[in-house]
Amino acid sequence: VIGRGLGYAFVVREPITNRLREQWFVHNYYLLLW
């Protein structure tokens, strides 16, 4: 309903290096807003 707040980041695994990193963006603005 209210979201996780601006600045929230989730952990993803880079496909080439296989390293974990935080990512604040989503390649879909509507999903990002939600």
All heavy atoms as atom14 arrays in JSON, in Angstrom:
{
  "sequence": "VIGRGLGYAFVVREPITNRLREQWFVHNYYLLLW",
  "atom14_mask": [
    [1, 1, 1, 1, 1, 1, 1, 0, 0, 0, 0, 0, 0, 0],
    [1, 1, 1, 1, 1, 1, 1, 1, 0, 0, 0, 0, 0, 0],
    [1, 1, 1, 1, 0, 0, 0, 0, 0, 0, 0, 0, 0, 0],
    [1, 1, 1, 1, 1, 1, 1, 1, 1, 1, 1, 0, 0, 0],
    [1, 1, 1, 1, 0, 0, 0, 0, 0, 0, 0, 0, 0, 0],
    [1, 1, 1, 1, 1, 1, 1, 1, 0, 0, 0, 0, 0, 0],
    [1, 1, 1, 1, 0, 0, 0, 0, 0, 0, 0, 0, 0, 0],
    [1, 1, 1, 1, 1, 1, 1, 1, 1, 1, 1, 1, 0, 0],
    [1, 1, 1, 1, 1, 0, 0, 0, 0, 0, 0, 0, 0, 0],
    [1, 1, 1, 1, 1, 1, 1, 1, 1, 1, 1, 0, 0, 0],
    [1, 1, 1, 1, 1, 1, 1, 0, 0, 0, 0, 0, 0, 0],
    [1, 1, 1, 1, 1, 1, 1, 0, 0, 0, 0, 0, 0, 0],
    [1, 1, 1, 1, 1, 1, 1, 1, 1, 1, 1, 0, 0, 0],
    [1, 1, 1, 1, 1, 1, 1, 1, 1, 0, 0, 0, 0, 0],
    [1, 1, 1, 1, 1, 1, 1, 0, 0, 0, 0, 0, 0, 0],
    [1, 1, 1, 1, 1, 1, 1, 1, 0, 0, 0, 0, 0, 0],
    [1, 1, 1, 1, 1, 1, 1, 0, 0, 0, 0, 0, 0, 0],
    [1, 1, 1, 1, 1, 1, 1, 1, 0, 0, 0, 0, 0, 0],
    [1, 1, 1, 1, 1, 1, 1, 1, 1, 1, 1, 0, 0, 0],
    [1, 1, 1, 1, 1, 1, 1, 1, 0, 0, 0, 0, 0, 0],
    [1, 1, 1, 1, 1, 1, 1, 1, 1, 1, 1, 0, 0, 0],
    [1, 1, 1, 1, 1, 1, 1, 1, 1, 0, 0, 0, 0, 0],
    [1, 1, 1, 1, 1, 1, 1, 1, 1, 0, 0, 0, 0, 0],
    [1, 1, 1, 1, 1, 1, 1, 1, 1, 1, 1, 1, 1, 1],
    [1, 1, 1, 1, 1, 1, 1, 1, 1, 1, 1, 0, 0, 0],
    [1, 1, 1, 1, 1, 1, 1, 0, 0, 0, 0, 0, 0, 0],
    [1, 1, 1, 1, 1, 1, 1, 1, 1, 1, 0, 0, 0, 0],
    [1, 1, 1, 1, 1, 1, 1, 1, 0, 0, 0, 0, 0, 0],
    [1, 1, 1, 1, 1, 1, 1, 1, 1, 1, 1, 1, 0, 0],
    [1, 1, 1, 1, 1, 1, 1, 1, 1, 1, 1, 1, 0, 0],
    [1, 1, 1, 1, 1, 1, 1, 1, 0, 0, 0, 0, 0, 0],
    [1, 1, 1, 1, 1, 1, 1, 1, 0, 0, 0, 0, 0, 0],
    [1, 1, 1, 1, 1, 1, 1, 1, 0, 0, 0, 0, 0, 0],
    [1, 1, 1, 1, 1, 1, 1, 1, 1, 1, 1, 1, 1, 1]
  ],
  "atom14_positions": [
    [[0.82, -1.21, 0.0], [0.0, 0.0, 0.0], [0.85, 1.26, 0.0], [0.66, 2.16, -0.82], [-0.96, 0.01, 1.2], [-1.79, 1.29, 1.21], [-1.88, -1.21, 1.15], [0.0, 0.0, 0.0], [0.0, 0.0, 0.0], [0.0, 0.0, 0.0], [0.0, 0.0, 0.0], [0.0, 0.0, 0.0], [0.0, 0.0, 0.0], [0.0, 0.0, 0.0]],
    [[1.81, 1.36, 0.92], [2.63, 2.57, 1.02], [4.04, 2.37, 0.49], [4.8, 3.33, 0.37], [2.69, 3.09, 2.47], [3.38, 2.06, 3.37], [1.3, 3.43, 2.97], [3.64, 2.58, 4.77], [0.0, 0.0, 0.0], [0.0, 0.0, 0.0], [0.0, 0.0, 0.0], [0.0, 0.0, 0.0], [0.0, 0.0, 0.0], [0.0, 0.0, 0.0]],
    [[4.42, 1.16, 0.13], [5.73, 0.91, -0.44], [6.84, 0.83, 0.6], [6.62, 1.03, 1.8], [0.0, 0.0, 0.0], [0.0, 0.0, 0.0], [0.0, 0.0, 0.0], [0.0, 0.0, 0.0], [0.0, 0.0, 0.0], [0.0, 0.0, 0.0], [0.0, 0.0, 0.0], [0.0, 0.0, 0.0], [0.0, 0.0, 0.0], [0.0, 0.0, 0.0]],
    [[8.05, 0.59, 0.11], [9.22, 0.46, 0.98], [9.94, 1.78, 1.17], [10.96, 1.84, 1.87], [10.19, -0.57, 0.4], [9.57, -1.93, 0.08], [9.05, -2.64, 1.32], [10.12, -3.01, 2.21], [10.76, -4.18, 2.19], [10.42, -5.09, 1.27], [11.71, -4.46, 3.05], [0.0, 0.0, 0.0], [0.0, 0.0, 0.0], [0.0, 0.0, 0.0]],
    [[9.45, 2.85, 0.53], [10.06, 4.17, 0.69], [11.11, 4.46, -0.36], [11.74, 3.55, -0.91], [0.0, 0.0, 0.0], [0.0, 0.0, 0.0], [0.0, 0.0, 0.0], [0.0, 0.0, 0.0], [0.0, 0.0, 0.0], [0.0, 0.0, 0.0], [0.0, 0.0, 0.0], [0.0, 0.0, 0.0], [0.0, 0.0, 0.0], [0.0, 0.0, 0.0]],
    [[11.31, 5.75, -0.67], [12.34, 6.16, -1.61], [13.71, 5.77, -1.05], [13.96, 5.87, 0.15], [12.29, 7.66, -1.86], [11.04, 8.19, -2.57], [11.11, 9.7, -2.74], [10.83, 7.52, -3.92], [0.0, 0.0, 0.0], [0.0, 0.0, 0.0], [0.0, 0.0, 0.0], [0.0, 0.0, 0.0], [0.0, 0.0, 0.0], [0.0, 0.0, 0.0]],
    [[14.6, 5.34, -1.94], [15.93, 4.94, -1.52], [16.07, 3.46, -1.25], [17.2, 2.98, -1.06], [0.0, 0.0, 0.0], [0.0, 0.0, 0.0], [0.0, 0.0, 0.0], [0.0, 0.0, 0.0], [0.0, 0.0, 0.0], [0.0, 0.0, 0.0], [0.0, 0.0, 0.0], [0.0, 0.0, 0.0], [0.0, 0.0, 0.0], [0.0, 0.0, 0.0]],
    [[14.96, 2.73, -1.19], [15.04, 1.3, -0.9], [15.81, 0.58, -2.01], [15.66, 0.88, -3.2], [13.64, 0.7, -0.77], [13.63, -0.8, -0.61], [13.91, -1.37, 0.63], [13.38, -1.63, -1.69], [13.92, -2.75, 0.78], [13.39, -3.01, -1.54], [13.67, -3.56, -0.31], [13.69, -4.93, -0.17], [0.0, 0.0, 0.0], [0.0, 0.0, 0.0]],
    [[16.63, -0.38, -1.62], [17.4, -1.17, -2.58], [17.27, -2.65, -2.23], [17.14, -3.0, -1.05], [18.87, -0.75, -2.57], [0.0, 0.0, 0.0], [0.0, 0.0, 0.0], [0.0, 0.0, 0.0], [0.0, 0.0, 0.0], [0.0, 0.0, 0.0], [0.0, 0.0, 0.0], [0.0, 0.0, 0.0], [0.0, 0.0, 0.0], [0.0, 0.0, 0.0]],
    [[17.28, -3.5, -3.25], [17.24, -4.93, -3.02], [18.51, -5.55, -3.61], [19.21, -4.94, -4.42], [15.98, -5.57, -3.64], [15.79, -5.25, -5.08], [16.25, -6.09, -6.07], [15.11, -4.08, -5.47], [16.07, -5.8, -7.41], [14.92, -3.79, -6.81], [15.41, -4.65, -7.78], [0.0, 0.0, 0.0], [0.0, 0.0, 0.0], [0.0, 0.0, 0.0]],
    [[18.81, -6.75, -3.19], [20.06, -7.41, -3.57], [19.84, -8.24, -4.83], [18.87, -9.02, -4.92], [20.58, -8.31, -2.43], [21.85, -9.04, -2.86], [20.85, -7.48, -1.18], [0.0, 0.0, 0.0], [0.0, 0.0, 0.0], [0.0, 0.0, 0.0], [0.0, 0.0, 0.0], [0.0, 0.0, 0.0], [0.0, 0.0, 0.0], [0.0, 0.0, 0.0]],
    [[20.73, -8.07, -5.81], [20.69, -8.86, -7.04], [22.06, -9.47, -7.28], [23.08, -9.01, -6.73], [20.29, -7.99, -8.25], [18.9, -7.43, -8.08], [21.28, -6.85, -8.46], [0.0, 0.0, 0.0], [0.0, 0.0, 0.0], [0.0, 0.0, 0.0], [0.0, 0.0, 0.0], [0.0, 0.0, 0.0], [0.0, 0.0, 0.0], [0.0, 0.0, 0.0]],
    [[22.08, -10.49, -8.11], [23.35, -11.15, -8.46], [23.7, -10.77, -9.9], [22.91, -10.97, -10.82], [23.24, -12.66, -8.33], [24.56, -13.4, -8.53], [24.38, -14.9, -8.33], [23.98, -15.21, -6.96], [24.84, -15.35, -5.94], [26.13, -15.19, -6.16], [24.38, -15.65, -4.74], [0.0, 0.0, 0.0], [0.0, 0.0, 0.0], [0.0, 0.0, 0.0]],
    [[24.9, -10.22, -10.11], [25.32, -9.84, -11.44], [25.51, -11.08, -12.31], [26.12, -12.06, -11.87], [26.63, -9.05, -11.37], [26.49, -7.7, -10.67], [27.76, -6.91, -10.68], [28.82, -7.5, -11.0], [27.73, -5.72, -10.37], [0.0, 0.0, 0.0], [0.0, 0.0, 0.0], [0.0, 0.0, 0.0], [0.0, 0.0, 0.0], [0.0, 0.0, 0.0]],
    [[24.96, -11.05, -13.56], [24.97, -12.26, -14.39], [26.35, -12.69, -14.85], [26.58, -13.87, -15.09], [24.09, -11.85, -15.59], [24.18, -10.36, -15.63], [24.3, -9.91, -14.21], [0.0, 0.0, 0.0], [0.0, 0.0, 0.0], [0.0, 0.0, 0.0], [0.0, 0.0, 0.0], [0.0, 0.0, 0.0], [0.0, 0.0, 0.0], [0.0, 0.0, 0.0]],
    [[27.28, -11.76, -15.01], [28.61, -12.1, -15.54], [29.59, -12.41, -14.41], [30.24, -13.45, -14.4], [29.13, -10.96, -16.43], [28.19, -10.74, -17.62], [30.55, -11.28, -16.93], [28.59, -9.59, -18.51], [0.0, 0.0, 0.0], [0.0, 0.0, 0.0], [0.0, 0.0, 0.0], [0.0, 0.0, 0.0], [0.0, 0.0, 0.0], [0.0, 0.0, 0.0]],
    [[29.69, -11.52, -13.43], [30.65, -11.7, -12.34], [30.11, -12.58, -11.22], [30.88, -13.03, -10.37], [31.03, -10.34, -11.76], [29.86, -9.71, -11.19], [31.59, -9.43, -12.83], [0.0, 0.0, 0.0], [0.0, 0.0, 0.0], [0.0, 0.0, 0.0], [0.0, 0.0, 0.0], [0.0, 0.0, 0.0], [0.0, 0.0, 0.0], [0.0, 0.0, 0.0]],
    [[28.78, -12.77, -11.18], [28.13, -13.6, -10.15], [28.26, -12.99, -8.75], [28.08, -13.67, -7.76], [28.7, -15.03, -10.16], [27.68, -16.02, -9.62], [26.48, -15.9, -9.86], [28.15, -17.02, -8.89], [0.0, 0.0, 0.0], [0.0, 0.0, 0.0], [0.0, 0.0, 0.0], [0.0, 0.0, 0.0], [0.0, 0.0, 0.0], [0.0, 0.0, 0.0]],
    [[28.55, -11.71, -8.69], [28.66, -11.04, -7.39], [27.32, -10.45, -6.98], [26.51, -10.05, -7.83], [29.71, -9.91, -7.46], [31.14, -10.39, -7.64], [32.11, -9.24, -7.65], [31.8, -8.28, -8.71], [32.51, -7.16, -8.92], [33.54, -6.88, -8.15], [32.17, -6.36, -9.91], [0.0, 0.0, 0.0], [0.0, 0.0, 0.0], [0.0, 0.0, 0.0]],
    [[27.11, -10.36, -5.66], [25.9, -9.74, -5.13], [26.1, -8.24, -4.98], [27.18, -7.78, -4.6], [25.55, -10.35, -3.76], [25.19, -11.84, -3.75], [24.96, -12.3, -2.32], [23.94, -12.1, -4.58], [0.0, 0.0, 0.0], [0.0, 0.0, 0.0], [0.0, 0.0, 0.0], [0.0, 0.0, 0.0], [0.0, 0.0, 0.0], [0.0, 0.0, 0.0]],
    [[25.07, -7.48, -5.3], [25.14, -6.03, -5.12], [23.74, -5.48, -4.88], [22.73, -6.1, -5.22], [25.74, -5.34, -6.36], [24.91, -5.49, -7.62], [25.55, -4.72, -8.77], [24.83, -4.91, -10.01], [23.76, -4.19, -10.38], [23.3, -3.23, -9.58], [23.15, -4.42, -11.53], [0.0, 0.0, 0.0], [0.0, 0.0, 0.0], [0.0, 0.0, 0.0]],
    [[23.7, -4.28, -4.28], [22.42, -3.62, -4.05], [22.01, -2.82, -5.27], [22.86, -2.24, -5.96], [22.51, -2.69, -2.83], [22.51, -3.41, -1.51], [22.3, -2.45, -0.35], [22.53, -1.24, -0.52], [21.88, -2.91, 0.72], [0.0, 0.0, 0.0], [0.0, 0.0, 0.0], [0.0, 0.0, 0.0], [0.0, 0.0, 0.0], [0.0, 0.0, 0.0]],
    [[20.72, -2.8, -5.57], [20.2, -2.09, -6.74], [18.96, -1.31, -6.32], [18.0, -1.89, -5.82], [19.86, -3.1, -7.83], [19.28, -2.49, -9.09], [19.12, -3.52, -10.19], [20.06, -4.21, -10.58], [17.9, -3.63, -10.7], [0.0, 0.0, 0.0], [0.0, 0.0, 0.0], [0.0, 0.0, 0.0], [0.0, 0.0, 0.0], [0.0, 0.0, 0.0]],
    [[18.99, 0.01, -6.54], [17.85, 0.85, -6.14], [16.8, 0.97, -7.24], [15.67, 1.38, -6.97], [18.33, 2.26, -5.76], [18.93, 3.04, -6.9], [20.23, 3.12, -7.25], [18.22, 3.87, -7.85], [20.41, 3.91, -8.35], [19.19, 4.4, -8.74], [16.88, 4.22, -8.02], [18.85, 5.25, -9.78], [16.55, 5.07, -9.08], [17.51, 5.57, -9.94]],
    [[17.14, 0.63, -8.48], [16.24, 0.84, -9.61], [15.65, -0.47, -10.09], [16.14, -1.56, -9.78], [16.96, 1.54, -10.77], [18.18, 0.79, -11.24], [18.09, -0.21, -12.19], [19.44, 1.1, -10.72], [19.2, -0.9, -12.62], [20.57, 0.42, -11.16], [20.45, -0.58, -12.09], [0.0, 0.0, 0.0], [0.0, 0.0, 0.0], [0.0, 0.0, 0.0]],
    [[14.56, -0.35, -10.86], [13.93, -1.49, -11.53], [13.66, -1.06, -12.97], [13.18, 0.06, -13.21], [12.6, -1.89, -10.86], [12.01, -3.11, -11.53], [12.79, -2.14, -9.37], [0.0, 0.0, 0.0], [0.0, 0.0, 0.0], [0.0, 0.0, 0.0], [0.0, 0.0, 0.0], [0.0, 0.0, 0.0], [0.0, 0.0, 0.0], [0.0, 0.0, 0.0]],
    [[13.93, -1.93, -13.92], [13.72, -1.57, -15.33], [12.24, -1.68, -15.72], [11.87, -2.3, -16.72], [14.57, -2.47, -16.23], [16.02, -2.07, -16.25], [16.93, -2.55, -15.33], [16.71, -1.23, -17.08], [18.12, -2.03, -15.58], [18.03, -1.24, -16.63], [0.0, 0.0, 0.0], [0.0, 0.0, 0.0], [0.0, 0.0, 0.0], [0.0, 0.0, 0.0]],
    [[11.42, -1.11, -14.9], [9.99, -0.93, -15.17], [9.51, 0.1, -14.16], [9.45, -0.18, -12.96], [9.22, -2.24, -15.03], [7.74, -2.08, -15.34], [7.03, -1.32, -14.7], [7.27, -2.82, -16.34], [0.0, 0.0, 0.0], [0.0, 0.0, 0.0], [0.0, 0.0, 0.0], [0.0, 0.0, 0.0], [0.0, 0.0, 0.0], [0.0, 0.0, 0.0]],
    [[9.2, 1.3, -14.64], [8.9, 2.4, -13.72], [7.65, 2.14, -12.89], [7.57, 2.55, -11.72], [8.74, 3.69, -14.51], [8.57, 4.93, -13.65], [9.62, 5.4, -12.88], [7.37, 5.63, -13.63], [9.48, 6.54, -12.1], [7.22, 6.76, -12.85], [8.28, 7.21, -12.09], [8.13, 8.33, -11.31], [0.0, 0.0, 0.0], [0.0, 0.0, 0.0]],
    [[6.68, 1.45, -13.46], [5.44, 1.19, -12.72], [5.69, 0.21, -11.57], [5.16, 0.4, -10.47], [4.38, 0.64, -13.68], [4.24, 1.49, -14.92], [4.71, 1.06, -16.16], [3.67, 2.77, -14.85], [4.6, 1.85, -17.3], [3.56, 3.57, -15.98], [4.03, 3.11, -17.2], [3.94, 3.9, -18.31], [0.0, 0.0, 0.0], [0.0, 0.0, 0.0]],
    [[6.51, -0.78, -11.82], [6.9, -1.69, -10.75], [7.76, -0.97, -9.72], [7.65, -1.21, -8.51], [7.64, -2.89, -11.34], [8.1, -3.99, -10.37], [6.94, -4.49, -9.51], [8.74, -5.14, -11.14], [0.0, 0.0, 0.0], [0.0, 0.0, 0.0], [0.0, 0.0, 0.0], [0.0, 0.0, 0.0], [0.0, 0.0, 0.0], [0.0, 0.0, 0.0]],
    [[8.62, -0.08, -10.2], [9.44, 0.72, -9.29], [8.58, 1.57, -8.37], [8.83, 1.67, -7.16], [10.39, 1.6, -10.1], [11.28, 2.56, -9.32], [12.32, 1.79, -8.51], [11.96, 3.56, -10.24], [0.0, 0.0, 0.0], [0.0, 0.0, 0.0], [0.0, 0.0, 0.0], [0.0, 0.0, 0.0], [0.0, 0.0, 0.0], [0.0, 0.0, 0.0]],
    [[7.54, 2.22, -8.94], [6.64, 3.03, -8.12], [5.93, 2.18, -7.09], [5.79, 2.59, -5.92], [5.61, 3.74, -9.02], [6.04, 5.01, -9.74], [4.86, 5.6, -10.5], [6.59, 6.04, -8.77], [0.0, 0.0, 0.0], [0.0, 0.0, 0.0], [0.0, 0.0, 0.0], [0.0, 0.0, 0.0], [0.0, 0.0, 0.0], [0.0, 0.0, 0.0]],
    [[5.46, 1.02, -7.48], [4.77, 0.15, -6.53], [5.73, -0.27, -5.41], [5.36, -0.28, -4.24], [4.23, -1.08, -7.26], [3.47, -2.02, -6.37], [2.64, -1.68, -5.33], [3.47, -3.45, -6.43], [2.11, -2.81, -4.75], [2.61, -3.91, -5.4], [4.1, -4.37, -7.26], [2.38, -5.25, -5.18], [3.86, -5.71, -7.05], [3.01, -6.15, -6.02]]
  ]
}
